[in-house]
Amino acid sequence: MRVLLAGLCTVDLVQRVEHLPRPGQKVQSDGMALAAGGPATNAAVTVAALGGQALLLTALGRHPLAELARTDLAGCGVTVLDCLPESDAPPALSAVTVRDGDGERTVVSPNSAARPGAQVPPDFDAATLAAWLPEPAPDAVLVDGHHPALALAAAGWARAHDRPVVVDAGSWRPVFADLFPLADVVACSAQFTAPAGALDAVPTVITTAGPDPVRWRGPGGAGEVAVPTVAARDTLGAGDVWHGALVSRAGEPDTAAVIEFANAVAAERVRHVGPRSWLGPVGALTGR
C-alpha cells in the first residue's frame, strides 16, 4: 500500500516524568527524546512501520530543527514531499510530558499557526500536487487539515483519481467544511464537535473513545469494535498511530475488520516507552 499523508510535521521534545508538574513546580525528567511529530507525520511513520510506502506532504523547510525531523523520518522509511523547501522558519516545536506510571501525556504546541514565514501558498492545488507526486501513484490519502491548501490538494487529487480519502478530524477546523464532502472516511474522537449536518454526507464515520469501543457507521451498517486491554506505558501519538493503521487498509470492504486492526496497532504502540521504540513490535503485526 502506497499512502499520501498531508499535514503537520513538528519537532517533539518529549520528557518522561514520575508525575506531571503542578503550576509553578519544577520536576526532573527520567528521560528525554527528540523526534518528528504531528498527526499526519505519526500516521506516516505507522504506514512505513506496517510495511507500506509513506509519502508525507508537509511544509518543513531548511531550518536546523527541520533537518532533525527530516533525518528522523528518513530513518523511519518516510519520504518527505516538502512544499516549502527554501523556508528558513523553524518548524513547530511541541513540548511533550509523559507520566511514567500510566503513559498519560500533556502537549503544548503552536502547530502550524505560529509559522508566519512558512505558510503554504493558497494556490497549491491538485494540479500542482500531481506534478510533484513520484510514481507509482498513491493508493490512498490521509489528511489532518493542519495545512488547508495541502489537505484540499491531496483530497482533490484523490477524488480525481478514485482513491479513498481518510480525514483525521482531531478538532474542528474551517477547512473541514470543504474536506468532508471529499472524504470517504472521517475518523474523530468522542470529544470532536462539528456544525450540525457537517458529517451527514460522509460515507463512513468512525468515532474513537480511548479505551472504550470504537463506534462506526457506514454503507455496510453500523457497530462497535472493542479495544484491546493493555498496560499503557506511553500514549503519545496513539491516535495518530491508529489513523495510520486505518489508512494502511483504506478501501477494504470490512470496516469492522479494518478498525480491529487499527485498534490492535494502537494498543501495541502504547505498550512501549518512547517515540520510536514501538516500530519493530508494530511492524511484526503484519509479519514485516
Protein backbone atom coordinates (compact mmCIF):
# COMPACT_ATOMS: atom_id res chain seq x y z
CA MET A 1 0.00 0.00 0.00
CA ARG A 2 1.36 3.41 -1.03
CA VAL A 3 -0.17 6.23 1.03
CA LEU A 4 -0.02 10.02 0.68
CA LEU A 5 -0.38 11.75 4.06
CA ALA A 6 -0.83 15.53 4.02
CA GLY A 7 -0.47 17.66 7.10
CA LEU A 8 1.56 18.79 10.04
CA CYS A 9 5.18 17.98 10.84
CA THR A 10 6.50 19.18 14.20
CA VAL A 11 9.58 18.51 16.27
CA ASP A 12 8.58 16.90 19.56
CA LEU A 13 10.69 17.37 22.69
CA VAL A 14 9.49 14.53 24.90
CA GLN A 15 10.25 14.42 28.64
CA ARG A 16 9.31 11.43 30.79
CA VAL A 17 8.47 12.20 34.43
CA GLU A 18 7.25 10.40 37.54
CA HIS A 19 4.38 12.86 37.91
CA LEU A 20 3.10 15.81 35.90
CA PRO A 21 4.17 19.13 37.44
CA ARG A 22 1.73 21.43 39.17
CA PRO A 23 1.72 25.15 38.26
CA GLY A 24 4.97 26.70 39.43
CA GLN A 25 6.58 23.33 40.22
CA LYS A 26 9.83 22.03 38.74
CA VAL A 27 10.36 18.31 38.24
CA GLN A 28 13.32 16.32 36.95
CA SER A 29 12.68 14.12 33.94
CA ASP A 30 13.72 10.49 33.82
CA GLY A 31 14.38 10.58 30.08
CA MET A 32 14.27 12.81 27.01
CA ALA A 33 13.80 12.26 23.30
CA LEU A 34 13.58 14.38 20.14
CA ALA A 35 11.52 13.14 17.20
CA ALA A 36 9.34 14.33 14.35
CA GLY A 37 5.67 14.52 15.30
CA GLY A 38 2.25 15.74 14.25
CA PRO A 39 -0.88 13.81 13.22
CA ALA A 40 -0.05 13.16 9.56
CA THR A 41 3.63 12.60 10.40
CA ASN A 42 2.97 9.99 13.08
CA ALA A 43 0.48 8.31 10.76
CA ALA A 44 3.13 8.24 8.02
CA VAL A 45 5.64 6.62 10.37
CA THR A 46 3.00 3.99 11.16
CA VAL A 47 2.29 3.25 7.49
CA ALA A 48 6.00 2.70 6.93
CA ALA A 49 6.31 0.53 10.05
CA LEU A 50 3.49 -1.64 8.74
CA GLY A 51 5.37 -2.25 5.51
CA GLY A 52 3.69 0.39 3.35
CA GLN A 53 5.21 3.25 1.39
CA ALA A 54 4.54 6.57 3.13
CA LEU A 55 4.71 9.92 1.34
CA LEU A 56 4.41 12.86 3.75
CA LEU A 57 3.25 16.10 2.13
CA THR A 58 4.05 18.94 4.52
CA ALA A 59 5.74 22.32 5.00
CA LEU A 60 9.10 21.71 6.63
CA GLY A 61 11.85 24.00 5.30
CA ARG A 62 15.60 24.02 5.90
CA HIS A 63 15.90 25.25 9.49
CA PRO A 64 18.23 23.03 11.59
CA LEU A 65 15.24 21.71 13.54
CA ALA A 66 13.58 20.82 10.25
CA GLU A 67 16.67 18.85 9.29
CA LEU A 68 16.36 16.94 12.57
CA ALA A 69 12.79 15.98 11.68
CA ARG A 70 13.74 15.07 8.11
CA THR A 71 16.59 12.83 9.28
CA ASP A 72 14.33 11.09 11.79
CA LEU A 73 11.67 10.47 9.14
CA ALA A 74 14.21 9.13 6.66
CA GLY A 75 15.31 6.64 9.30
CA CYS A 76 11.67 5.56 9.68
CA GLY A 77 11.30 4.98 5.94
CA VAL A 78 9.08 8.03 5.27
CA THR A 79 9.54 10.06 2.07
CA VAL A 80 9.02 13.79 2.68
CA LEU A 81 7.45 15.99 -0.01
CA ASP A 82 8.28 19.47 1.26
CA CYS A 83 6.23 22.24 -0.36
CA LEU A 84 8.42 24.95 1.25
CA PRO A 85 11.98 23.58 0.98
CA GLU A 86 13.59 27.05 0.99
CA SER A 87 11.84 28.33 4.13
CA ASP A 88 14.13 29.35 7.00
CA ALA A 89 11.32 29.44 9.54
CA PRO A 90 11.65 26.85 12.30
CA PRO A 91 9.10 24.05 12.41
CA ALA A 92 6.57 24.00 15.21
CA LEU A 93 8.20 22.72 18.40
CA SER A 94 5.97 20.67 20.69
CA ALA A 95 6.73 20.33 24.40
CA VAL A 96 5.53 16.90 25.49
CA THR A 97 5.49 15.48 29.02
CA VAL A 98 4.70 11.80 29.58
CA ARG A 99 3.83 10.41 33.03
CA ASP A 100 5.73 7.22 33.72
CA GLY A 101 3.07 5.35 35.68
CA ASP A 102 0.31 5.24 33.07
CA GLY A 103 1.68 6.86 29.92
CA GLU A 104 -0.62 9.90 30.12
CA ARG A 105 0.82 12.94 28.36
CA THR A 106 0.46 16.68 28.06
CA VAL A 107 1.30 18.52 24.84
CA VAL A 108 1.91 22.24 24.28
CA SER A 109 2.37 23.13 20.62
CA PRO A 110 1.76 26.05 18.26
CA ASN A 111 1.04 23.53 15.46
CA SER A 112 1.18 25.33 12.11
CA ALA A 113 -0.46 28.56 13.28
CA ALA A 114 2.67 30.23 14.61
CA ARG A 115 4.76 29.98 11.43
CA PRO A 116 4.02 33.24 9.56
CA GLY A 117 7.11 32.71 7.42
CA ALA A 118 6.10 29.23 6.36
CA GLN A 119 2.52 29.40 5.12
CA VAL A 120 1.61 27.14 2.22
CA PRO A 121 0.65 29.18 -0.87
CA PRO A 122 -3.15 29.08 -1.28
CA ASP A 123 -2.76 28.29 -4.99
CA PHE A 124 -1.12 24.95 -4.20
CA ASP A 125 -3.80 22.70 -5.69
CA ALA A 126 -4.43 19.20 -7.02
CA ALA A 127 -2.76 20.01 -10.34
CA THR A 128 0.35 21.26 -8.54
CA LEU A 129 0.41 18.13 -6.42
CA ALA A 130 0.00 15.85 -9.43
CA ALA A 131 3.24 17.25 -10.87
CA TRP A 132 5.03 16.55 -7.59
CA LEU A 133 3.96 13.00 -6.93
CA PRO A 134 6.51 10.30 -7.72
CA GLU A 135 5.41 7.14 -9.49
CA PRO A 136 3.66 4.91 -8.77
CA ALA A 137 0.68 6.96 -7.65
CA PRO A 138 -0.61 6.61 -4.08
CA ASP A 139 -3.31 4.04 -3.32
CA ALA A 140 -4.91 6.12 -0.54
CA VAL A 141 -4.76 9.58 1.04
CA LEU A 142 -4.94 10.81 4.63
CA VAL A 143 -5.25 14.49 5.58
CA ASP A 144 -5.22 16.13 9.02
CA GLY A 145 -6.33 19.63 7.96
CA HIS A 146 -3.41 21.49 9.55
CA HIS A 147 -2.25 22.94 6.21
CA PRO A 148 -5.58 23.65 4.45
CA ALA A 149 -4.12 24.11 0.96
CA LEU A 150 -2.24 20.81 1.18
CA ALA A 151 -5.27 18.99 2.55
CA LEU A 152 -7.54 20.24 -0.23
CA ALA A 153 -4.93 19.50 -2.89
CA ALA A 154 -4.43 15.95 -1.64
CA ALA A 155 -8.15 15.24 -1.27
CA GLY A 156 -8.90 16.82 -4.65
CA TRP A 157 -6.22 14.71 -6.33
CA ALA A 158 -7.61 11.58 -4.68
CA ARG A 159 -11.16 12.29 -5.84
CA ALA A 160 -9.95 12.88 -9.40
CA HIS A 161 -8.07 9.55 -9.36
CA ASP A 162 -10.65 7.46 -7.49
CA ARG A 163 -8.50 6.95 -4.39
CA PRO A 164 -10.00 6.69 -0.88
CA VAL A 165 -9.68 9.76 1.35
CA VAL A 166 -9.40 9.48 5.13
CA VAL A 167 -9.74 12.63 7.25
CA ASP A 168 -8.16 12.66 10.70
CA ALA A 169 -10.54 15.11 12.40
CA GLY A 170 -8.74 15.88 15.63
CA SER A 171 -10.66 19.08 16.32
CA TRP A 172 -12.92 21.20 14.12
CA ARG A 173 -11.09 23.29 11.53
CA PRO A 174 -12.80 25.58 9.00
CA VAL A 175 -11.23 23.64 6.10
CA PHE A 176 -13.24 20.57 7.14
CA ALA A 177 -16.33 22.18 5.65
CA ASP A 178 -14.66 21.74 2.26
CA LEU A 179 -12.86 18.48 3.06
CA PHE A 180 -15.72 16.40 4.42
CA PRO A 181 -17.59 16.36 1.06
CA LEU A 182 -14.42 14.86 -0.48
CA ALA A 183 -13.92 12.23 2.22
CA ASP A 184 -14.69 8.53 2.19
CA VAL A 185 -13.92 8.18 5.90
CA VAL A 186 -13.88 10.76 8.69
CA ALA A 187 -12.29 9.43 11.87
CA CYS A 188 -12.68 11.52 15.00
CA SER A 189 -12.71 11.19 18.78
CA ALA A 190 -15.76 11.26 21.03
CA GLN A 191 -14.79 14.83 22.00
CA PHE A 192 -14.95 16.06 18.40
CA THR A 193 -17.69 18.59 17.71
CA ALA A 194 -18.78 19.80 14.28
CA PRO A 195 -21.52 22.11 12.97
CA ALA A 196 -24.89 20.47 12.56
CA GLY A 197 -25.06 18.35 9.42
CA ALA A 198 -21.32 18.54 8.67
CA LEU A 199 -20.91 14.76 8.82
CA ASP A 200 -24.24 13.78 7.26
CA ALA A 201 -22.91 13.24 3.73
CA VAL A 202 -19.71 11.42 4.79
CA PRO A 203 -19.97 7.76 3.73
CA THR A 204 -18.20 6.34 6.79
CA VAL A 205 -17.76 8.00 10.17
CA ILE A 206 -15.64 6.37 12.87
CA THR A 207 -15.52 7.60 16.47
CA THR A 208 -12.80 6.57 18.90
CA ALA A 209 -13.13 6.89 22.68
CA GLY A 210 -9.79 5.96 24.25
CA PRO A 211 -10.06 2.51 25.85
CA ASP A 212 -13.79 2.30 25.11
CA PRO A 213 -15.16 0.58 21.98
CA VAL A 214 -14.77 2.34 18.63
CA ARG A 215 -18.14 3.18 17.04
CA TRP A 216 -18.72 3.33 13.31
CA ARG A 217 -21.46 3.78 10.75
CA GLY A 218 -21.21 3.37 7.01
CA PRO A 219 -22.71 1.80 3.88
CA GLY A 220 -22.35 -1.66 5.41
CA GLY A 221 -24.27 -0.78 8.56
CA ALA A 222 -23.02 0.31 11.98
CA GLY A 223 -21.43 -1.20 15.02
CA GLU A 224 -18.78 -1.15 17.73
CA VAL A 225 -15.33 -2.71 17.90
CA ALA A 226 -13.72 -3.41 21.25
CA VAL A 227 -10.29 -2.02 22.10
CA PRO A 228 -7.67 -4.47 23.47
CA THR A 229 -6.89 -4.10 27.16
CA VAL A 230 -3.17 -3.40 27.68
CA ALA A 231 -0.92 -1.82 30.27
CA ALA A 232 -0.27 1.61 28.77
CA ARG A 233 3.28 2.93 29.12
CA ASP A 234 3.18 5.83 26.65
CA THR A 235 0.11 7.28 24.92
CA LEU A 236 1.91 9.94 22.88
CA GLY A 237 0.68 9.80 19.28
CA ALA A 238 -1.51 6.75 19.89
CA GLY A 239 -4.42 8.30 18.00
CA ASP A 240 -2.15 9.22 15.10
CA VAL A 241 -0.81 5.66 15.01
CA TRP A 242 -4.41 4.41 14.93
CA HIS A 243 -5.15 6.64 11.92
CA GLY A 244 -2.01 5.44 10.15
CA ALA A 245 -3.04 1.82 10.63
CA LEU A 246 -6.54 2.64 9.43
CA VAL A 247 -5.42 4.31 6.20
CA SER A 248 -2.93 1.50 5.55
CA ARG A 249 -6.02 -0.64 4.87
CA ALA A 250 -8.19 2.03 3.29
CA GLY A 251 -10.58 0.71 0.69
CA GLU A 252 -11.01 -2.73 2.25
CA PRO A 253 -14.73 -3.56 2.44
CA ASP A 254 -14.94 -4.88 6.02
CA THR A 255 -14.95 -1.71 8.12
CA ALA A 256 -15.10 -3.57 11.43
CA ALA A 257 -12.06 -5.68 10.50
CA VAL A 258 -10.07 -2.58 9.49
CA ILE A 259 -10.96 -0.91 12.81
CA GLU A 260 -9.99 -4.05 14.71
CA PHE A 261 -6.57 -3.94 13.03
CA ALA A 262 -6.12 -0.23 13.84
CA ASN A 263 -7.11 -0.90 17.45
CA ALA A 264 -4.51 -3.67 17.72
CA VAL A 265 -1.75 -1.46 16.27
CA ALA A 266 -2.54 1.46 18.61
CA ALA A 267 -2.72 -0.90 21.58
CA GLU A 268 0.74 -2.22 20.73
CA ARG A 269 2.09 1.31 20.41
CA VAL A 270 1.04 2.37 23.95
CA ARG A 271 2.81 -0.65 25.47
CA HIS A 272 6.23 0.81 24.56
CA VAL A 273 8.08 3.79 26.02
CA GLY A 274 9.36 6.47 23.67
CA PRO A 275 8.52 7.95 20.28
CA ARG A 276 10.16 5.19 18.19
CA SER A 277 10.57 2.07 20.36
CA TRP A 278 7.22 0.69 19.17
CA LEU A 279 8.11 0.50 15.48
CA GLY A 280 9.52 -3.03 15.45
CA PRO A 281 6.73 -4.60 17.53
CA VAL A 282 4.04 -2.87 15.45
CA GLY A 283 5.70 -3.95 12.23
CA ALA A 284 5.58 -7.54 13.48
CA LEU A 285 1.77 -7.35 13.48
CA THR A 286 1.90 -7.69 9.70
CA GLY A 287 4.82 -10.08 9.62
CA ARG A 288 7.26 -7.44 8.37
